PDB file of all heavy atoms in Angstrom:
ATOM      1  N   HIS A   1     113.526 114.994 108.800  1.00  0.00           N
ATOM      2  CA  HIS A   1     113.975 116.341 108.631  1.00  0.00           C
ATOM      3  C   HIS A   1     115.570 116.420 108.289  1.00  0.00           C
ATOM      4  O   HIS A   1     115.930 117.361 107.646  1.00  0.00           O
ATOM      5  CB  HIS A   1     113.694 117.227 109.933  1.00  0.00           C
ATOM      6  CG  HIS A   1     114.548 116.883 111.089  1.00  0.00           C
ATOM      7  ND1 HIS A   1     114.373 115.734 111.780  1.00  0.00           N
ATOM      8  CD2 HIS A   1     115.651 117.440 111.676  1.00  0.00           C
ATOM      9  CE1 HIS A   1     115.266 115.618 112.758  1.00  0.00           C
ATOM     10  NE2 HIS A   1     116.062 116.684 112.686  1.00  0.00           N
ATOM     11  N   ARG A   2     116.203 115.410 108.660  1.00  0.00           N
ATOM     12  CA  ARG A   2     117.645 115.331 108.382  1.00  0.00           C
ATOM     13  C   ARG A   2     117.872 114.792 106.914  1.00  0.00           C
ATOM     14  O   ARG A   2     118.673 115.269 106.219  1.00  0.00           O
ATOM     15  CB  ARG A   2     118.412 114.497 109.346  1.00  0.00           C
ATOM     16  CG  ARG A   2     118.428 115.118 110.799  1.00  0.00           C
ATOM     17  CD  ARG A   2     119.433 116.235 110.884  1.00  0.00           C
ATOM     18  NE  ARG A   2     120.704 115.730 110.996  1.00  0.00           N
ATOM     19  CZ  ARG A   2     121.809 116.538 110.834  1.00  0.00           C
ATOM     20  NH1 ARG A   2     121.671 117.814 110.464  1.00  0.00           N
ATOM     21  NH2 ARG A   2     123.085 116.010 110.927  1.00  0.00           N
ATOM     22  N   ALA A   3     117.102 113.775 106.683  1.00  0.00           N
ATOM     23  CA  ALA A   3     117.264 113.116 105.317  1.00  0.00           C
ATOM     24  C   ALA A   3     116.900 114.100 104.270  1.00  0.00           C
ATOM     25  O   ALA A   3     117.453 114.084 103.167  1.00  0.00           O
ATOM     26  CB  ALA A   3     116.372 111.915 105.239  1.00  0.00           C
ATOM     27  N   ASP A   4     115.801 115.013 104.466  1.00  0.00           N
ATOM     28  CA  ASP A   4     115.384 115.927 103.480  1.00  0.00           C
ATOM     29  C   ASP A   4     116.558 116.968 103.179  1.00  0.00           C
ATOM     30  O   ASP A   4     116.479 117.592 102.118  1.00  0.00           O
ATOM     31  CB  ASP A   4     114.194 116.614 103.922  1.00  0.00           C
ATOM     32  CG  ASP A   4     112.955 115.811 103.786  1.00  0.00           C
ATOM     33  OD1 ASP A   4     113.055 114.721 103.186  1.00  0.00           O
ATOM     34  OD2 ASP A   4     111.902 116.213 104.373  1.00  0.00           O
ATOM     35  N   GLN A   5     117.538 117.076 104.011  1.00  0.00           N
ATOM     36  CA  GLN A   5     118.618 117.957 103.780  1.00  0.00           C
ATOM     37  C   GLN A   5     119.595 117.447 102.658  1.00  0.00           C
ATOM     38  O   GLN A   5     120.209 118.230 102.013  1.00  0.00           O
ATOM     39  CB  GLN A   5     119.543 118.100 104.992  1.00  0.00           C
ATOM     40  CG  GLN A   5     118.810 118.773 106.106  1.00  0.00           C
ATOM     41  CD  GLN A   5     119.677 118.799 107.467  1.00  0.00           C
ATOM     42  OE1 GLN A   5     120.889 118.639 107.338  1.00  0.00           O
ATOM     43  NE2 GLN A   5     119.084 118.979 108.568  1.00  0.00           N
ATOM     44  N   VAL A   6     119.351 116.104 102.323  1.00  0.00           N
ATOM     45  CA  VAL A   6     120.136 115.611 101.167  1.00  0.00           C
ATOM     46  C   VAL A   6     119.667 116.163  99.900  1.00  0.00           C
ATOM     47  O   VAL A   6     120.396 116.205  98.935  1.00  0.00           O
ATOM     48  CB  VAL A   6     120.123 114.025 101.270  1.00  0.00           C
ATOM     49  CG1 VAL A   6     120.833 113.504 100.087  1.00  0.00           C
ATOM     50  CG2 VAL A   6     120.737 113.643 102.539  1.00  0.00           C
ATOM     51  N   LEU A   7     118.285 116.444  99.758  1.00  0.00           N
ATOM     52  CA  LEU A   7     117.754 116.979  98.536  1.00  0.00           C
ATOM     53  C   LEU A   7     118.526 118.257  98.102  1.00  0.00           C
ATOM     54  O   LEU A   7     118.713 119.138  98.919  1.00  0.00           O
ATOM     55  CB  LEU A   7     116.308 117.230  98.696  1.00  0.00           C
ATOM     56  CG  LEU A   7     115.502 116.182  99.147  1.00  0.00           C
ATOM     57  CD1 LEU A   7     114.061 116.608  99.348  1.00  0.00           C
ATOM     58  CD2 LEU A   7     115.506 114.981  98.219  1.00  0.00           C
ATOM     59  N   GLY A   8     119.025 118.156  96.882  1.00  0.00           N
ATOM     60  CA  GLY A   8     119.785 119.358  96.329  1.00  0.00           C
ATOM     61  C   GLY A   8     121.303 119.192  96.493  1.00  0.00           C
ATOM     62  O   GLY A   8     122.068 119.930  96.043  1.00  0.00           O
ATOM     63  N   SER A   9     121.714 118.132  97.248  1.00  0.00           N
ATOM     64  CA  SER A   9     123.132 117.824  97.363  1.00  0.00           C
ATOM     65  C   SER A   9     123.609 117.177  96.156  1.00  0.00           C
ATOM     66  O   SER A   9     122.931 116.456  95.454  1.00  0.00           O
ATOM     67  CB  SER A   9     123.447 116.998  98.586  1.00  0.00           C
ATOM     68  OG  SER A   9     123.050 117.652  99.779  1.00  0.00           O
ATOM     69  N   LEU A  10     124.977 117.314  95.862  1.00  0.00           N
ATOM     70  CA  LEU A  10     125.584 116.639  94.755  1.00  0.00           C
ATOM     71  C   LEU A  10     126.236 115.389  95.367  1.00  0.00           C
ATOM     72  O   LEU A  10     127.201 115.415  96.100  1.00  0.00           O
ATOM     73  CB  LEU A  10     126.703 117.476  94.129  1.00  0.00           C
ATOM     74  CG  LEU A  10     127.440 116.840  93.033  1.00  0.00           C
ATOM     75  CD1 LEU A  10     126.588 116.595  91.771  1.00  0.00           C
ATOM     76  CD2 LEU A  10     128.662 117.818  92.640  1.00  0.00           C
ATOM     77  N   LEU A  11     125.678 114.272  94.959  1.00  0.00           N
ATOM     78  CA  LEU A  11     126.142 112.975  95.468  1.00  0.00           C
ATOM     79  C   LEU A  11     126.771 112.122  94.456  1.00  0.00           C
ATOM     80  O   LEU A  11     126.198 111.792  93.527  1.00  0.00           O
ATOM     81  CB  LEU A  11     125.010 112.112  96.182  1.00  0.00           C
ATOM     82  CG  LEU A  11     124.180 112.891  97.210  1.00  0.00           C
ATOM     83  CD1 LEU A  11     123.112 111.886  97.789  1.00  0.00           C
ATOM     84  CD2 LEU A  11     125.023 113.389  98.303  1.00  0.00           C
ATOM     85  N   SER A  12     128.092 111.937  94.628  1.00  0.00           N
ATOM     86  CA  SER A  12     128.859 111.187  93.528  1.00  0.00           C
ATOM     87  C   SER A  12     128.656 109.736  93.674  1.00  0.00           C
ATOM     88  O   SER A  12     128.562 109.144  94.794  1.00  0.00           O
ATOM     89  CB  SER A  12     130.366 111.609  93.741  1.00  0.00           C
ATOM     90  OG  SER A  12     131.184 110.786  92.870  1.00  0.00           O
ATOM     91  N   GLY A  13     128.589 109.051  92.494  1.00  0.00           N
ATOM     92  CA  GLY A  13     128.537 107.624  92.452  1.00  0.00           C
ATOM     93  C   GLY A  13     129.944 107.086  92.148  1.00  0.00           C
ATOM     94  O   GLY A  13     130.056 105.872  91.740  1.00  0.00           O
ATOM     95  N   ARG A  14     130.924 107.868  92.296  1.00  0.00           N
ATOM     96  CA  ARG A  14     132.298 107.429  91.835  1.00  0.00           C
ATOM     97  C   ARG A  14     133.252 107.195  93.038  1.00  0.00           C
ATOM     98  O   ARG A  14     134.368 106.740  92.917  1.00  0.00           O
ATOM     99  CB  ARG A  14     132.866 108.524  90.945  1.00  0.00           C
ATOM    100  CG  ARG A  14     132.266 108.629  89.637  1.00  0.00           C
ATOM    101  CD  ARG A  14     132.616 109.955  88.920  1.00  0.00           C
ATOM    102  NE  ARG A  14     131.942 111.092  89.597  1.00  0.00           N
ATOM    103  CZ  ARG A  14     131.911 112.316  89.154  1.00  0.00           C
ATOM    104  NH1 ARG A  14     132.613 112.528  88.137  1.00  0.00           N
ATOM    105  NH2 ARG A  14     131.326 113.323  89.809  1.00  0.00           N
ATOM    106  N   GLU A  15     132.841 107.514  94.286  1.00  0.00           N
ATOM    107  CA  GLU A  15     133.640 107.407  95.402  1.00  0.00           C
ATOM    108  C   GLU A  15     132.913 107.152  96.610  1.00  0.00           C
ATOM    109  O   GLU A  15     131.629 107.552  96.735  1.00  0.00           O
ATOM    110  CB  GLU A  15     134.621 108.640  95.587  1.00  0.00           C
ATOM    111  CG  GLU A  15     133.793 109.995  95.749  1.00  0.00           C
ATOM    112  CD  GLU A  15     134.705 111.176  95.717  1.00  0.00           C
ATOM    113  OE1 GLU A  15     135.893 111.029  95.248  1.00  0.00           O
ATOM    114  OE2 GLU A  15     134.294 112.207  96.189  1.00  0.00           O
ATOM    115  N   GLY A  16     133.524 106.590  97.611  1.00  0.00           N
ATOM    116  CA  GLY A  16     132.978 106.373  98.948  1.00  0.00           C
ATOM    117  C   GLY A  16     131.652 105.526  98.867  1.00  0.00           C
ATOM    118  O   GLY A  16     131.556 104.487  98.036  1.00  0.00           O
ATOM    119  N   ILE A  17     130.692 105.822  99.736  1.00  0.00           N
ATOM    120  CA  ILE A  17     129.484 105.060  99.810  1.00  0.00           C
ATOM    121  C   ILE A  17     128.659 105.142  98.495  1.00  0.00           C
ATOM    122  O   ILE A  17     128.083 104.227  98.076  1.00  0.00           O
ATOM    123  CB  ILE A  17     128.601 105.521 100.963  1.00  0.00           C
ATOM    124  CG1 ILE A  17     129.399 105.232 102.303  1.00  0.00           C
ATOM    125  CG2 ILE A  17     127.319 104.719 101.016  1.00  0.00           C
ATOM    126  CD1 ILE A  17     128.696 105.947 103.546  1.00  0.00           C
ATOM    127  N   GLY A  18     128.751 106.284  97.803  1.00  0.00           N
ATOM    128  CA  GLY A  18     128.068 106.489  96.585  1.00  0.00           C
ATOM    129  C   GLY A  18     128.569 105.488  95.587  1.00  0.00           C
ATOM    130  O   GLY A  18     127.749 104.964  94.771  1.00  0.00           O
ATOM    131  N   ALA A  19     129.851 105.152  95.581  1.00  0.00           N
ATOM    132  CA  ALA A  19     130.397 104.297  94.633  1.00  0.00           C
ATOM    133  C   ALA A  19     129.963 102.844  94.924  1.00  0.00           C
ATOM    134  O   ALA A  19     129.654 102.060  94.008  1.00  0.00           O
ATOM    135  CB  ALA A  19     131.962 104.355  94.640  1.00  0.00           C
ATOM    136  N   LEU A  20     129.902 102.517  96.189  1.00  0.00           N
ATOM    137  CA  LEU A  20     129.233 101.179  96.622  1.00  0.00           C
ATOM    138  C   LEU A  20     127.842 101.020  96.043  1.00  0.00           C
ATOM    139  O   LEU A  20     127.514  99.892  95.607  1.00  0.00           O
ATOM    140  CB  LEU A  20     129.299 101.094  98.108  1.00  0.00           C
ATOM    141  CG  LEU A  20     130.694 101.008  98.791  1.00  0.00           C
ATOM    142  CD1 LEU A  20     130.510 100.933 100.335  1.00  0.00           C
ATOM    143  CD2 LEU A  20     131.455  99.771  98.387  1.00  0.00           C
ATOM    144  N   LEU A  21     127.046 102.018  96.240  1.00  0.00           N
ATOM    145  CA  LEU A  21     125.742 101.960  95.807  1.00  0.00           C
ATOM    146  C   LEU A  21     125.612 101.866  94.264  1.00  0.00           C
ATOM    147  O   LEU A  21     124.863 100.978  93.760  1.00  0.00           O
ATOM    148  CB  LEU A  21     124.977 103.166  96.325  1.00  0.00           C
ATOM    149  CG  LEU A  21     123.436 103.231  95.845  1.00  0.00           C
ATOM    150  CD1 LEU A  21     122.645 102.070  96.254  1.00  0.00           C
ATOM    151  CD2 LEU A  21     122.789 104.530  96.400  1.00  0.00           C
ATOM    152  N   SER A  22     126.428 102.600  93.606  1.00  0.00           N
ATOM    153  CA  SER A  22     126.468 102.585  92.159  1.00  0.00           C
ATOM    154  C   SER A  22     126.871 101.276  91.649  1.00  0.00           C
ATOM    155  O   SER A  22     126.256 100.754  90.776  1.00  0.00           O
ATOM    156  CB  SER A  22     127.400 103.719  91.653  1.00  0.00           C
ATOM    157  OG  SER A  22     127.597 103.594  90.292  1.00  0.00           O
ATOM    158  N   GLN A  23     127.879 100.738  92.194  1.00  0.00           N
ATOM    159  CA  GLN A  23     128.452  99.409  91.683  1.00  0.00           C
ATOM    160  C   GLN A  23     127.399  98.351  91.925  1.00  0.00           C
ATOM    161  O   GLN A  23     127.179  97.453  91.115  1.00  0.00           O
ATOM    162  CB  GLN A  23     129.738  99.069  92.401  1.00  0.00           C
ATOM    163  CG  GLN A  23     130.906 100.039  91.962  1.00  0.00           C
ATOM    164  CD  GLN A  23     132.039  99.961  92.907  1.00  0.00           C
ATOM    165  OE1 GLN A  23     132.152  99.080  93.853  1.00  0.00           O
ATOM    166  NE2 GLN A  23     132.992 100.900  92.772  1.00  0.00           N
ATOM    167  N   PHE A  24     126.780  98.354  93.099  1.00  0.00           N
ATOM    168  CA  PHE A  24     125.786  97.380  93.360  1.00  0.00           C
ATOM    169  C   PHE A  24     124.582  97.374  92.359  1.00  0.00           C
ATOM    170  O   PHE A  24     124.180  96.401  91.902  1.00  0.00           O
ATOM    171  CB  PHE A  24     125.233  97.589  94.835  1.00  0.00           C
ATOM    172  CG  PHE A  24     124.221  96.467  95.229  1.00  0.00           C
ATOM    173  CD1 PHE A  24     124.652  95.287  95.763  1.00  0.00           C
ATOM    174  CD2 PHE A  24     122.883  96.752  95.173  1.00  0.00           C
ATOM    175  CE1 PHE A  24     123.637  94.249  96.066  1.00  0.00           C
ATOM    176  CE2 PHE A  24     121.988  95.812  95.541  1.00  0.00           C
ATOM    177  CZ  PHE A  24     122.316  94.570  95.960  1.00  0.00           C
ATOM    178  N   LEU A  25     124.157  98.601  92.151  1.00  0.00           N
ATOM    179  CA  LEU A  25     123.041  98.771  91.253  1.00  0.00           C
ATOM    180  C   LEU A  25     123.333  98.404  89.826  1.00  0.00           C
ATOM    181  O   LEU A  25     122.602  97.699  89.146  1.00  0.00           O
ATOM    182  CB  LEU A  25     122.511 100.247  91.242  1.00  0.00           C
ATOM    183  CG  LEU A  25     121.843 100.701  92.497  1.00  0.00           C
ATOM    184  CD1 LEU A  25     121.662 102.209  92.443  1.00  0.00           C
ATOM    185  CD2 LEU A  25     120.583 100.001  92.845  1.00  0.00           C
ATOM    186  N   ARG A  26     124.540  98.784  89.412  1.00  0.00           N
ATOM    187  CA  ARG A  26     124.959  98.468  88.061  1.00  0.00           C
ATOM    188  C   ARG A  26     125.048  96.906  87.869  1.00  0.00           C
ATOM    189  O   ARG A  26     124.628  96.290  86.827  1.00  0.00           O
ATOM    190  CB  ARG A  26     126.392  99.022  87.775  1.00  0.00           C
ATOM    191  CG  ARG A  26     126.322 100.484  87.491  1.00  0.00           C
ATOM    192  CD  ARG A  26     127.717 101.056  87.498  1.00  0.00           C
ATOM    193  NE  ARG A  26     127.858 102.413  87.372  1.00  0.00           N
ATOM    194  CZ  ARG A  26     128.044 103.220  86.232  1.00  0.00           C
ATOM    195  NH1 ARG A  26     128.116 102.536  85.130  1.00  0.00           N
ATOM    196  NH2 ARG A  26     128.098 104.506  86.257  1.00  0.00           N
ATOM    197  N   GLN A  27     125.626  96.169  88.841  1.00  0.00           N
ATOM    198  CA  GLN A  27     125.815  94.799  88.778  1.00  0.00           C
ATOM    199  C   GLN A  27     124.498  94.117  88.763  1.00  0.00           C
ATOM    200  O   GLN A  27     124.128  93.157  88.107  1.00  0.00           O
ATOM    201  CB  GLN A  27     126.598  94.277  89.960  1.00  0.00           C
ATOM    202  CG  GLN A  27     126.878  92.740  89.935  1.00  0.00           C
ATOM    203  CD  GLN A  27     127.769  92.330  91.088  1.00  0.00           C
ATOM    204  OE1 GLN A  27     128.424  93.103  91.725  1.00  0.00           O
ATOM    205  NE2 GLN A  27     127.919  91.072  91.261  1.00  0.00           N
ATOM    206  N   LEU A  28     123.581  94.638  89.646  1.00  0.00           N
ATOM    207  CA  LEU A  28     122.167  94.062  89.777  1.00  0.00           C
ATOM    208  C   LEU A  28     121.453  94.149  88.477  1.00  0.00           C
ATOM    209  O   LEU A  28     120.938  93.062  88.002  1.00  0.00           O
ATOM    210  CB  LEU A  28     121.428  94.844  90.794  1.00  0.00           C
ATOM    211  CG  LEU A  28     119.972  94.458  91.039  1.00  0.00           C
ATOM    212  CD1 LEU A  28     119.860  93.052  91.621  1.00  0.00           C
ATOM    213  CD2 LEU A  28     119.256  95.466  91.896  1.00  0.00           C
ATOM    214  N   VAL A  29     121.441  95.219  87.774  1.00  0.00           N
ATOM    215  CA  VAL A  29     120.689  95.407  86.523  1.00  0.00           C
ATOM    216  C   VAL A  29     121.321  94.762  85.322  1.00  0.00           C
ATOM    217  O   VAL A  29     120.695  94.489  84.288  1.00  0.00           O
ATOM    218  CB  VAL A  29     120.315  96.880  86.280  1.00  0.00           C
ATOM    219  CG1 VAL A  29     119.576  97.470  87.463  1.00  0.00           C
ATOM    220  CG2 VAL A  29     121.582  97.695  85.917  1.00  0.00           C
ATOM    221  N   ALA A  30     122.656  94.587  85.402  1.00  0.00           N
ATOM    222  CA  ALA A  30     123.311  93.961  84.285  1.00  0.00           C
ATOM    223  C   ALA A  30     122.892  92.516  84.012  1.00  0.00           C
ATOM    224  O   ALA A  30     122.796  92.158  82.834  1.00  0.00           O
ATOM    225  CB  ALA A  30     124.887  93.944  84.509  1.00  0.00           C
ATOM    226  N   ASP A  31     122.508  91.789  84.984  1.00  0.00           N
ATOM    227  CA  ASP A  31     122.068  90.445  84.823  1.00  0.00           C
ATOM    228  C   ASP A  31     121.265  89.971  85.977  1.00  0.00           C
ATOM    229  O   ASP A  31     121.857  89.789  87.097  1.00  0.00           O
ATOM    230  CB  ASP A  31     123.330  89.535  84.609  1.00  0.00           C
ATOM    231  CG  ASP A  31     122.909  88.059  84.362  1.00  0.00           C
ATOM    232  OD1 ASP A  31     121.643  87.832  84.057  1.00  0.00           O
ATOM    233  OD2 ASP A  31     123.793  87.116  84.372  1.00  0.00           O
ATOM    234  N   THR A  32     119.934  89.895  85.984  1.00  0.00           N
ATOM    235  CA  THR A  32     119.132  89.421  87.042  1.00  0.00           C
ATOM    236  C   THR A  32     118.817  87.884  86.996  1.00  0.00           C
ATOM    237  O   THR A  32     118.190  87.388  87.823  1.00  0.00           O
ATOM    238  CB  THR A  32     117.770  90.138  86.965  1.00  0.00           C
ATOM    239  OG1 THR A  32     117.097  89.890  85.773  1.00  0.00           O
ATOM    240  CG2 THR A  32     117.919  91.699  87.089  1.00  0.00           C
ATOM    241  N   SER A  33     119.471  87.246  85.992  1.00  0.00           N
ATOM    242  CA  SER A  33     119.044  85.763  85.837  1.00  0.00           C
ATOM    243  C   SER A  33     119.609  84.919  86.932  1.00  0.00           C
ATOM    244  O   SER A  33     119.204  83.793  87.155  1.00  0.00           O
ATOM    245  CB  SER A  33     119.584  85.270  84.516  1.00  0.00           C
ATOM    246  OG  SER A  33     120.995  85.377  84.409  1.00  0.00           O
ATOM    247  N   SER A  34     120.719  85.375  87.636  1.00  0.00           N
ATOM    248  CA  SER A  34     121.331  84.589  88.637  1.00  0.00           C
ATOM    249  C   SER A  34     120.603  84.674  90.064  1.00  0.00           C
ATOM    250  O   SER A  34     120.962  83.982  90.973  1.00  0.00           O
ATOM    251  CB  SER A  34     122.768  84.965  88.803  1.00  0.00           C
ATOM    252  OG  SER A  34     122.849  86.438  89.245  1.00  0.00           O
ATOM    253  N   TYR A  35     119.548  85.449  90.079  1.00  0.00           N
ATOM    254  CA  TYR A  35     118.821  85.663  91.330  1.00  0.00           C
ATOM    255  C   TYR A  35     117.541  84.868  91.249  1.00  0.00           C
ATOM    256  O   TYR A  35     116.880  84.805  90.159  1.00  0.00           O
ATOM    257  CB  TYR A  35     118.524  87.188  91.613  1.00  0.00           C
ATOM    258  CG  TYR A  35     119.781  87.970  91.711  1.00  0.00           C
ATOM    259  CD1 TYR A  35     120.076  88.833  90.744  1.00  0.00           C
ATOM    260  CD2 TYR A  35     120.587  87.932  92.832  1.00  0.00           C
ATOM    261  CE1 TYR A  35     121.226  89.585  90.797  1.00  0.00           C
ATOM    262  CE2 TYR A  35     121.832  88.652  92.904  1.00  0.00           C
ATOM    263  CZ  TYR A  35     122.092  89.554  91.863  1.00  0.00           C
ATOM    264  OH  TYR A  35     123.197  90.327  91.992  1.00  0.00           O
ATOM    265  N   GLN A  36     117.046  84.476  92.433  1.00  0.00           N
ATOM    266  CA  GLN A  36     115.699  83.866  92.589  1.00  0.00           C
ATOM    267  C   GLN A  36     114.712  84.864  92.990  1.00  0.00           C
ATOM    268  O   GLN A  36     115.049  85.875  93.648  1.00  0.00           O
ATOM    269  CB  GLN A  36     115.749  82.686  93.613  1.00  0.00           C
ATOM    270  CG  GLN A  36     116.648  81.608  93.289  1.00  0.00           C
ATOM    271  CD  GLN A  36     116.327  80.884  91.930  1.00  0.00           C
ATOM    272  OE1 GLN A  36     115.125  80.674  91.696  1.00  0.00           O
ATOM    273  NE2 GLN A  36     117.296  80.469  91.173  1.00  0.00           N
ATOM    274  N   PRO A  37     113.395  84.642  92.721  1.00  0.00           N
ATOM    275  CA  PRO A  37     112.397  85.692  93.187  1.00  0.00           C
ATOM    276  C   PRO A  37     112.489  85.841  94.651  1.00  0.00           C
ATOM    277  O   PRO A  37     112.189  86.992  95.207  1.00  0.00           O
ATOM    278  CB  PRO A  37     111.080  84.979  92.792  1.00  0.00           C
ATOM    279  CG  PRO A  37     111.421  84.220  91.562  1.00  0.00           C
ATOM    280  CD  PRO A  37     112.833  83.687  91.899  1.00  0.00           C
ATOM    281  N   THR A  38     112.831  84.920  95.506  1.00  0.00           N
ATOM    282  CA  THR A  38     112.855  84.961  96.977  1.00  0.00           C
ATOM    283  C   THR A  38     114.079  85.842  97.312  1.00  0.00           C
ATOM    284  O   THR A  38     114.120  86.382  98.518  1.00  0.00           O
ATOM    285  CB  THR A  38     113.073  83.579  97.512  1.00  0.00           C
ATOM    286  OG1 THR A  38     114.134  82.952  97.027  1.00  0.00           O
ATOM    287  CG2 THR A  38     111.824  82.802  97.399  1.00  0.00           C
ATOM    288  N   ASP A  39     115.049  86.152  96.453  1.00  0.00           N
ATOM    289  CA  ASP A  39     116.108  87.048  96.761  1.00  0.00           C
ATOM    290  C   ASP A  39     115.616  88.535  96.740  1.00  0.00           C
ATOM    291  O   ASP A  39     116.352  89.458  97.244  1.00  0.00           O
ATOM    292  CB  ASP A  39     117.306  86.895  95.731  1.00  0.00           C
ATOM    293  CG  ASP A  39     117.914  85.561  95.861  1.00  0.00           C
ATOM    294  OD1 ASP A  39     118.051  85.034  96.972  1.00  0.00           O
ATOM    295  OD2 ASP A  39     118.374  84.938  94.774  1.00  0.00           O
ATOM    296  N   ALA A  40     114.602  88.784  96.090  1.00  0.00           N
ATOM    297  CA  ALA A  40     114.169  90.241  95.814  1.00  0.00           C
ATOM    298  C   ALA A  40     114.104  91.057  97.097  1.00  0.00           C
ATOM    299  O   ALA A  40     114.643  92.116  97.231  1.00  0.00           O
ATOM    300  CB  ALA A  40     112.867  90.289  95.066  1.00  0.00           C
ATOM    301  N   PRO A  41     113.302  90.637  98.123  1.00  0.00           N
ATOM    302  CA  PRO A  41     113.248  91.476  99.448  1.00  0.00           C
ATOM    303  C   PRO A  41     114.603  91.641 100.074  1.00  0.00           C
ATOM    304  O   PRO A  41     114.864  92.789 100.533  1.00  0.00           O
ATOM    305  CB  PRO A  41     112.346  90.641 100.257  1.00  0.00           C
ATOM    306  CG  PRO A  41     111.583  89.754  99.320  1.00  0.00           C
ATOM    307  CD  PRO A  41     112.491  89.374  98.248  1.00  0.00           C
ATOM    308  N   ARG A  42     115.537  90.685 100.000  1.00  0.00           N
ATOM    309  CA  ARG A  42     116.832  90.799 100.576  1.00  0.00           C
ATOM    310  C   ARG A  42     117.658  91.799  99.859  1.00  0.00           C
ATOM    311  O   ARG A  42     118.403  92.579 100.432  1.00  0.00           O
ATOM    312  CB  ARG A  42     117.527  89.436 100.662  1.00  0.00           C
ATOM    313  CG  ARG A  42     116.933  88.460 101.687  1.00  0.00           C
ATOM    314  CD  ARG A  42     117.700  87.209 101.815  1.00  0.00           C
ATOM    315  NE  ARG A  42     117.629  86.357 100.711  1.00  0.00           N
ATOM    316  CZ  ARG A  42     116.729  85.393 100.664  1.00  0.00           C
ATOM    317  NH1 ARG A  42     115.797  85.218 101.583  1.00  0.00           N
ATOM    318  NH2 ARG A  42     116.564  84.603  99.548  1.00  0.00           N
ATOM    319  N   LEU A  43     117.597  91.767  98.515  1.00  0.00           N
ATOM    320  CA  LEU A  43     118.261  92.746  97.654  1.00  0.00           C
ATOM    321  C   LEU A  43     117.774  94.145  97.914  1.00  0.00           C
ATOM    322  O   LEU A  43     118.550  95.051  97.995  1.00  0.00           O
ATOM    323  CB  LEU A  43     118.160  92.408  96.223  1.00  0.00           C
ATOM    324  CG  LEU A  43     118.943  91.045  95.815  1.00  0.00           C
ATOM    325  CD1 LEU A  43     118.504  90.657  94.361  1.00  0.00           C
ATOM    326  CD2 LEU A  43     120.420  91.240  95.873  1.00  0.00           C
ATOM    327  N   GLY A  44     116.430  94.243  98.115  1.00  0.00           N
ATOM    328  CA  GLY A  44     115.839  95.516  98.352  1.00  0.00           C
ATOM    329  C   GLY A  44     116.389  96.112  99.711  1.00  0.00           C
ATOM    330  O   GLY A  44     116.583  97.294  99.796  1.00  0.00           O
TER     331      GLY A  44
END
């Protein structure tokens, strides 16, 4: 019920925790060749 309050919020990917998530995702999708299949659950 608390998490659903986030729906409709404006969440920036340029600062704070949003920036951390954004940077991690961008780096991840830029090149997946350096990861092993066993890394997938940990990255998730």
